Amino acid sequence: MSKYFTIEELTRSAVAEARQIDNRPTSPIRLKLEQLIDRCLDPIRECWGGPITVNSGFRCPVLNRAVGGASSSQHMKGEAADITAGSPEENRQLFEMIVSGDFSFDQLIDESHYAWIHISYADGKNRKQILHL
């Protein structure tokens, strides 16, 4: 069981609610979300010592298209979350903590000058790729 994050938090979407899109994950995707939480997000939150908000987690294909997500987005696999610590400066500090720490992740992306951070976890396939977009 997760200490800081929930599956519901990673599947909640204002766009899905507004457009009545069913964004419930399948069982295999739910397992990947649990791995993302247990092996990536919770350890980061524990080290950070303060709140981290999930802006976007799992997105079913219909929702992913609705928000303009990439056709190969890890969000659709339950492997990614867009997170924020509150401000671009706090996000930069969080990003640097993740880069310098011993955290498991596939991709870590500074999005739009730290407007948010994209982080993914791909069990057994983590590349530790660090990008600035």
N, C-alpha and C. Protein backbone atom coordinates (compact mmCIF):
# COMPACT_ATOMS: atom_id res chain seq x y z
N MET A 1 0.84 -1.19 0.00
CA MET A 1 0.00 0.00 0.00
C MET A 1 0.88 1.25 0.00
N SER A 2 0.49 2.21 -0.78
CA SER A 2 1.23 3.45 -0.93
C SER A 2 1.17 4.31 0.33
N LYS A 3 2.25 5.03 0.56
CA LYS A 3 2.30 5.93 1.70
C LYS A 3 1.77 7.32 1.36
N TYR A 4 2.03 7.79 0.14
CA TYR A 4 1.70 9.17 -0.20
C TYR A 4 0.72 9.33 -1.37
N PHE A 5 0.71 8.42 -2.30
CA PHE A 5 -0.09 8.58 -3.51
C PHE A 5 -1.12 7.46 -3.64
N THR A 6 -2.19 7.73 -4.39
CA THR A 6 -3.24 6.73 -4.61
C THR A 6 -3.46 6.52 -6.11
N ILE A 7 -4.02 5.38 -6.44
CA ILE A 7 -4.38 5.09 -7.83
C ILE A 7 -5.42 6.12 -8.29
N GLU A 8 -6.35 6.45 -7.41
CA GLU A 8 -7.39 7.43 -7.77
C GLU A 8 -6.77 8.78 -8.15
N GLU A 9 -5.76 9.18 -7.42
CA GLU A 9 -5.06 10.43 -7.70
C GLU A 9 -4.39 10.39 -9.08
N LEU A 10 -3.88 9.23 -9.45
CA LEU A 10 -3.19 9.09 -10.73
C LEU A 10 -4.14 8.83 -11.90
N THR A 11 -5.43 8.69 -11.63
CA THR A 11 -6.39 8.48 -12.72
C THR A 11 -7.40 9.62 -12.82
N ARG A 12 -7.38 10.53 -11.87
CA ARG A 12 -8.30 11.67 -11.86
C ARG A 12 -7.95 12.63 -13.00
N SER A 13 -8.99 13.14 -13.67
CA SER A 13 -8.78 14.07 -14.77
C SER A 13 -10.00 14.97 -14.94
N ALA A 14 -9.78 16.27 -14.87
CA ALA A 14 -10.86 17.23 -15.08
C ALA A 14 -11.39 17.13 -16.51
N VAL A 15 -10.49 16.91 -17.47
CA VAL A 15 -10.91 16.78 -18.87
C VAL A 15 -11.78 15.53 -19.03
N ALA A 16 -11.38 14.42 -18.43
CA ALA A 16 -12.17 13.19 -18.52
C ALA A 16 -13.55 13.40 -17.90
N GLU A 17 -13.60 14.07 -16.76
CA GLU A 17 -14.90 14.32 -16.12
C GLU A 17 -15.77 15.23 -16.99
N ALA A 18 -15.18 16.31 -17.51
CA ALA A 18 -15.95 17.25 -18.31
C ALA A 18 -16.48 16.61 -19.59
N ARG A 19 -15.69 15.72 -20.18
CA ARG A 19 -16.07 15.10 -21.45
C ARG A 19 -16.66 13.71 -21.27
N GLN A 20 -16.87 13.31 -20.03
CA GLN A 20 -17.44 12.00 -19.68
C GLN A 20 -16.66 10.86 -20.34
N ILE A 21 -15.34 10.92 -20.18
CA ILE A 21 -14.44 9.87 -20.68
C ILE A 21 -14.15 8.91 -19.53
N ASP A 22 -14.36 7.63 -19.78
CA ASP A 22 -14.07 6.60 -18.77
C ASP A 22 -12.56 6.39 -18.71
N ASN A 23 -11.93 6.86 -17.64
CA ASN A 23 -10.47 6.77 -17.51
C ASN A 23 -10.05 5.72 -16.48
N ARG A 24 -10.88 4.72 -16.26
CA ARG A 24 -10.52 3.66 -15.33
C ARG A 24 -9.48 2.73 -15.94
N PRO A 25 -8.40 2.45 -15.21
CA PRO A 25 -7.35 1.58 -15.75
C PRO A 25 -7.75 0.11 -15.70
N THR A 26 -7.23 -0.66 -16.65
CA THR A 26 -7.40 -2.11 -16.60
C THR A 26 -6.52 -2.66 -15.48
N SER A 27 -6.69 -3.91 -15.14
CA SER A 27 -5.87 -4.52 -14.08
C SER A 27 -4.37 -4.47 -14.38
N PRO A 28 -3.93 -4.79 -15.61
CA PRO A 28 -2.48 -4.70 -15.88
C PRO A 28 -1.95 -3.27 -15.75
N ILE A 29 -2.73 -2.29 -16.18
CA ILE A 29 -2.29 -0.90 -16.05
C ILE A 29 -2.29 -0.48 -14.59
N ARG A 30 -3.25 -0.94 -13.84
CA ARG A 30 -3.31 -0.65 -12.40
C ARG A 30 -2.03 -1.15 -11.71
N LEU A 31 -1.55 -2.34 -12.11
CA LEU A 31 -0.32 -2.87 -11.54
C LEU A 31 0.87 -1.97 -11.87
N LYS A 32 0.91 -1.44 -13.09
CA LYS A 32 1.99 -0.53 -13.47
C LYS A 32 1.90 0.78 -12.68
N LEU A 33 0.70 1.26 -12.44
CA LEU A 33 0.53 2.46 -11.62
C LEU A 33 1.03 2.22 -10.20
N GLU A 34 0.74 1.03 -9.68
CA GLU A 34 1.23 0.69 -8.34
C GLU A 34 2.76 0.66 -8.30
N GLN A 35 3.38 0.14 -9.36
CA GLN A 35 4.85 0.15 -9.44
C GLN A 35 5.37 1.59 -9.52
N LEU A 36 4.73 2.42 -10.32
CA LEU A 36 5.13 3.83 -10.43
C LEU A 36 5.08 4.50 -9.06
N ILE A 37 4.04 4.23 -8.32
CA ILE A 37 3.90 4.82 -6.98
C ILE A 37 4.95 4.25 -6.03
N ASP A 38 4.99 2.93 -5.93
CA ASP A 38 5.83 2.27 -4.92
C ASP A 38 7.32 2.43 -5.16
N ARG A 39 7.73 2.38 -6.42
CA ARG A 39 9.16 2.36 -6.73
C ARG A 39 9.72 3.70 -7.17
N CYS A 40 8.83 4.65 -7.46
CA CYS A 40 9.29 5.93 -7.98
C CYS A 40 8.72 7.10 -7.17
N LEU A 41 7.41 7.31 -7.23
CA LEU A 41 6.82 8.49 -6.63
C LEU A 41 6.93 8.54 -5.11
N ASP A 42 6.59 7.45 -4.42
CA ASP A 42 6.67 7.46 -2.95
C ASP A 42 8.10 7.69 -2.44
N PRO A 43 9.12 7.02 -3.00
CA PRO A 43 10.48 7.30 -2.53
C PRO A 43 10.90 8.76 -2.76
N ILE A 44 10.48 9.33 -3.88
CA ILE A 44 10.81 10.73 -4.15
C ILE A 44 10.11 11.63 -3.13
N ARG A 45 8.84 11.38 -2.90
CA ARG A 45 8.08 12.19 -1.93
C ARG A 45 8.67 12.06 -0.53
N GLU A 46 9.08 10.89 -0.15
CA GLU A 46 9.69 10.65 1.17
C GLU A 46 10.94 11.50 1.33
N CYS A 47 11.77 11.51 0.33
CA CYS A 47 13.01 12.28 0.37
C CYS A 47 12.74 13.79 0.31
N TRP A 48 11.76 14.20 -0.47
CA TRP A 48 11.42 15.61 -0.64
C TRP A 48 10.94 16.21 0.67
N GLY A 49 10.15 15.48 1.42
CA GLY A 49 9.70 15.94 2.72
C GLY A 49 8.55 16.92 2.70
N GLY A 50 7.93 17.10 1.57
CA GLY A 50 6.78 18.01 1.45
C GLY A 50 5.86 17.53 0.36
N PRO A 51 4.73 18.20 0.20
CA PRO A 51 3.74 17.73 -0.77
C PRO A 51 4.23 17.79 -2.21
N ILE A 52 3.79 16.82 -2.98
CA ILE A 52 3.97 16.78 -4.43
C ILE A 52 2.59 16.46 -5.00
N THR A 53 2.18 17.24 -5.99
CA THR A 53 0.86 17.07 -6.61
C THR A 53 1.00 16.41 -7.98
N VAL A 54 0.11 15.48 -8.25
CA VAL A 54 0.05 14.85 -9.57
C VAL A 54 -0.90 15.66 -10.43
N ASN A 55 -0.38 16.25 -11.51
CA ASN A 55 -1.21 17.00 -12.46
C ASN A 55 -1.87 16.07 -13.47
N SER A 56 -1.15 15.03 -13.85
CA SER A 56 -1.65 14.08 -14.84
C SER A 56 -0.95 12.75 -14.62
N GLY A 57 -1.73 11.70 -14.56
CA GLY A 57 -1.17 10.36 -14.41
C GLY A 57 -1.62 9.51 -15.59
N PHE A 58 -2.35 8.44 -15.29
CA PHE A 58 -2.85 7.56 -16.35
C PHE A 58 -3.84 8.31 -17.24
N ARG A 59 -3.69 8.07 -18.55
CA ARG A 59 -4.63 8.61 -19.53
C ARG A 59 -5.00 7.50 -20.51
N CYS A 60 -6.26 7.13 -20.55
CA CYS A 60 -6.70 6.16 -21.56
C CYS A 60 -6.49 6.80 -22.93
N PRO A 61 -6.48 6.01 -24.00
CA PRO A 61 -6.21 6.58 -25.33
C PRO A 61 -7.14 7.74 -25.71
N VAL A 62 -8.42 7.64 -25.37
CA VAL A 62 -9.37 8.71 -25.71
C VAL A 62 -8.99 9.99 -24.96
N LEU A 63 -8.67 9.88 -23.68
CA LEU A 63 -8.26 11.05 -22.90
C LEU A 63 -6.93 11.59 -23.40
N ASN A 64 -6.01 10.70 -23.72
CA ASN A 64 -4.70 11.14 -24.21
C ASN A 64 -4.85 11.98 -25.49
N ARG A 65 -5.73 11.54 -26.39
CA ARG A 65 -5.99 12.33 -27.60
C ARG A 65 -6.65 13.66 -27.25
N ALA A 66 -7.57 13.63 -26.29
CA ALA A 66 -8.29 14.85 -25.91
C ALA A 66 -7.36 15.92 -25.35
N VAL A 67 -6.29 15.51 -24.67
CA VAL A 67 -5.37 16.49 -24.09
C VAL A 67 -4.15 16.74 -24.98
N GLY A 68 -4.13 16.13 -26.15
CA GLY A 68 -3.02 16.35 -27.09
C GLY A 68 -1.76 15.62 -26.71
N GLY A 69 -1.88 14.49 -26.00
CA GLY A 69 -0.72 13.69 -25.61
C GLY A 69 -0.08 12.98 -26.80
N ALA A 70 1.18 12.63 -26.66
CA ALA A 70 1.90 11.89 -27.71
C ALA A 70 1.26 10.53 -27.92
N SER A 71 1.26 10.06 -29.16
CA SER A 71 0.62 8.78 -29.48
C SER A 71 1.29 7.60 -28.80
N SER A 72 2.54 7.76 -28.38
CA SER A 72 3.25 6.68 -27.69
C SER A 72 3.47 7.01 -26.20
N SER A 73 2.66 7.89 -25.66
CA SER A 73 2.82 8.36 -24.28
C SER A 73 2.83 7.24 -23.26
N GLN A 74 3.78 7.30 -22.34
CA GLN A 74 3.83 6.34 -21.25
C GLN A 74 2.66 6.54 -20.28
N HIS A 75 1.99 7.68 -20.35
CA HIS A 75 0.80 7.90 -19.53
C HIS A 75 -0.26 6.84 -19.85
N MET A 76 -0.37 6.44 -21.11
CA MET A 76 -1.38 5.46 -21.51
C MET A 76 -1.06 4.06 -21.00
N LYS A 77 0.19 3.83 -20.63
CA LYS A 77 0.60 2.53 -20.12
C LYS A 77 0.57 2.47 -18.59
N GLY A 78 0.26 3.59 -17.94
CA GLY A 78 0.30 3.64 -16.48
C GLY A 78 1.71 3.77 -15.95
N GLU A 79 2.63 4.24 -16.78
CA GLU A 79 4.04 4.32 -16.40
C GLU A 79 4.52 5.74 -16.13
N ALA A 80 3.64 6.76 -16.24
CA ALA A 80 4.12 8.14 -16.13
C ALA A 80 3.17 9.02 -15.33
N ALA A 81 3.77 10.06 -14.75
CA ALA A 81 3.00 11.09 -14.05
C ALA A 81 3.67 12.44 -14.27
N ASP A 82 2.85 13.46 -14.39
CA ASP A 82 3.33 14.83 -14.40
C ASP A 82 3.10 15.36 -12.99
N ILE A 83 4.16 15.86 -12.38
CA ILE A 83 4.09 16.26 -10.98
C ILE A 83 4.58 17.69 -10.79
N THR A 84 4.19 18.27 -9.65
CA THR A 84 4.68 19.60 -9.29
C THR A 84 4.84 19.68 -7.78
N ALA A 85 5.83 20.44 -7.38
CA ALA A 85 6.04 20.72 -5.96
C ALA A 85 5.43 22.08 -5.61
N GLY A 86 4.88 22.77 -6.60
CA GLY A 86 4.16 24.00 -6.34
C GLY A 86 4.52 25.18 -7.22
N SER A 87 5.79 25.36 -7.50
CA SER A 87 6.23 26.50 -8.31
C SER A 87 7.39 26.05 -9.21
N PRO A 88 7.68 26.82 -10.25
CA PRO A 88 8.83 26.45 -11.09
C PRO A 88 10.13 26.33 -10.28
N GLU A 89 10.36 27.20 -9.33
CA GLU A 89 11.59 27.12 -8.53
C GLU A 89 11.60 25.85 -7.68
N GLU A 90 10.48 25.53 -7.06
CA GLU A 90 10.41 24.28 -6.28
C GLU A 90 10.54 23.07 -7.20
N ASN A 91 9.95 23.14 -8.38
CA ASN A 91 10.07 22.03 -9.33
C ASN A 91 11.52 21.85 -9.77
N ARG A 92 12.25 22.95 -9.98
CA ARG A 92 13.67 22.85 -10.32
C ARG A 92 14.44 22.17 -9.20
N GLN A 93 14.15 22.54 -7.96
CA GLN A 93 14.83 21.92 -6.82
C GLN A 93 14.49 20.43 -6.72
N LEU A 94 13.22 20.09 -6.94
CA LEU A 94 12.80 18.69 -6.91
C LEU A 94 13.49 17.92 -8.03
N PHE A 95 13.53 18.48 -9.22
CA PHE A 95 14.19 17.86 -10.37
C PHE A 95 15.65 17.58 -10.04
N GLU A 96 16.35 18.57 -9.50
CA GLU A 96 17.77 18.41 -9.16
C GLU A 96 17.96 17.36 -8.07
N MET A 97 17.03 17.30 -7.10
CA MET A 97 17.11 16.27 -6.06
C MET A 97 16.99 14.87 -6.69
N ILE A 98 16.06 14.72 -7.64
CA ILE A 98 15.87 13.43 -8.29
C ILE A 98 17.11 13.05 -9.10
N VAL A 99 17.64 14.01 -9.85
CA VAL A 99 18.83 13.75 -10.67
C VAL A 99 20.01 13.32 -9.80
N SER A 100 20.20 13.99 -8.68
CA SER A 100 21.37 13.71 -7.84
C SER A 100 21.15 12.54 -6.88
N GLY A 101 19.91 12.06 -6.76
CA GLY A 101 19.60 10.98 -5.84
C GLY A 101 19.69 9.61 -6.49
N ASP A 102 19.39 8.60 -5.71
CA ASP A 102 19.44 7.22 -6.18
C ASP A 102 18.01 6.72 -6.41
N PHE A 103 17.31 7.37 -7.34
CA PHE A 103 15.91 7.03 -7.61
C PHE A 103 15.80 6.25 -8.90
N SER A 104 14.83 5.34 -8.93
CA SER A 104 14.55 4.56 -10.14
C SER A 104 13.56 5.34 -11.00
N PHE A 105 13.93 5.58 -12.26
CA PHE A 105 13.00 6.19 -13.20
C PHE A 105 13.45 5.86 -14.62
N ASP A 106 12.51 5.95 -15.53
CA ASP A 106 12.81 5.77 -16.95
C ASP A 106 13.16 7.12 -17.57
N GLN A 107 12.20 8.05 -17.51
CA GLN A 107 12.45 9.39 -18.01
C GLN A 107 12.13 10.42 -16.93
N LEU A 108 12.95 11.46 -16.90
CA LEU A 108 12.72 12.61 -16.04
C LEU A 108 12.80 13.81 -16.97
N ILE A 109 11.69 14.54 -17.10
CA ILE A 109 11.64 15.63 -18.06
C ILE A 109 11.21 16.92 -17.38
N ASP A 110 12.05 17.94 -17.53
CA ASP A 110 11.70 19.31 -17.14
C ASP A 110 10.83 19.84 -18.27
N GLU A 111 9.57 20.07 -17.99
CA GLU A 111 8.63 20.55 -19.00
C GLU A 111 8.46 22.06 -18.88
N SER A 112 8.73 22.77 -19.95
CA SER A 112 8.47 24.22 -20.05
C SER A 112 9.11 25.01 -18.92
N HIS A 113 10.41 24.85 -18.77
CA HIS A 113 11.17 25.59 -17.75
C HIS A 113 10.62 25.34 -16.35
N TYR A 114 10.43 24.07 -16.05
CA TYR A 114 10.00 23.61 -14.73
C TYR A 114 8.56 24.00 -14.38
N ALA A 115 7.72 24.18 -15.39
CA ALA A 115 6.29 24.39 -15.12
C ALA A 115 5.72 23.14 -14.42
N TRP A 116 6.24 21.99 -14.83
CA TRP A 116 5.96 20.71 -14.17
C TRP A 116 7.07 19.75 -14.54
N ILE A 117 7.06 18.59 -13.89
CA ILE A 117 8.06 17.54 -14.14
C ILE A 117 7.32 16.29 -14.59
N HIS A 118 7.77 15.72 -15.69
CA HIS A 118 7.26 14.42 -16.15
C HIS A 118 8.24 13.38 -15.64
N ILE A 119 7.71 12.34 -15.00
CA ILE A 119 8.56 11.24 -14.55
C ILE A 119 7.88 9.93 -14.90
N SER A 120 8.67 8.97 -15.35
CA SER A 120 8.11 7.67 -15.69
C SER A 120 8.94 6.55 -15.09
N TYR A 121 8.30 5.39 -14.98
CA TYR A 121 8.95 4.19 -14.46
C TYR A 121 8.53 3.02 -15.34
N ALA A 122 9.50 2.34 -15.92
CA ALA A 122 9.24 1.18 -16.78
C ALA A 122 9.98 -0.01 -16.20
N ASP A 123 9.29 -0.84 -15.47
CA ASP A 123 9.91 -1.95 -14.74
C ASP A 123 10.82 -2.77 -15.65
N GLY A 124 12.09 -2.83 -15.26
CA GLY A 124 13.07 -3.60 -16.02
C GLY A 124 13.59 -2.92 -17.26
N LYS A 125 13.08 -1.73 -17.58
CA LYS A 125 13.50 -1.04 -18.81
C LYS A 125 13.84 0.43 -18.54
N ASN A 126 14.15 0.78 -17.31
CA ASN A 126 14.45 2.17 -16.98
C ASN A 126 15.74 2.63 -17.64
N ARG A 127 15.64 3.75 -18.37
CA ARG A 127 16.79 4.29 -19.10
C ARG A 127 17.51 5.40 -18.33
N LYS A 128 16.90 5.93 -17.27
CA LYS A 128 17.45 7.07 -16.53
C LYS A 128 17.72 8.24 -17.47
N GLN A 129 16.79 8.46 -18.38
CA GLN A 129 16.92 9.53 -19.37
C GLN A 129 16.47 10.86 -18.75
N ILE A 130 17.30 11.87 -18.89
CA ILE A 130 17.01 13.20 -18.33
C ILE A 130 16.93 14.19 -19.48
N LEU A 131 15.78 14.88 -19.57
CA LEU A 131 15.53 15.81 -20.68
C LEU A 131 15.00 17.14 -20.18
N HIS A 132 15.20 18.16 -20.98
CA HIS A 132 14.64 19.50 -20.73
C HIS A 132 13.89 19.90 -22.00
N LEU A 133 12.58 20.05 -21.91
CA LEU A 133 11.77 20.43 -23.08
C LEU A 133 11.11 21.79 -22.86
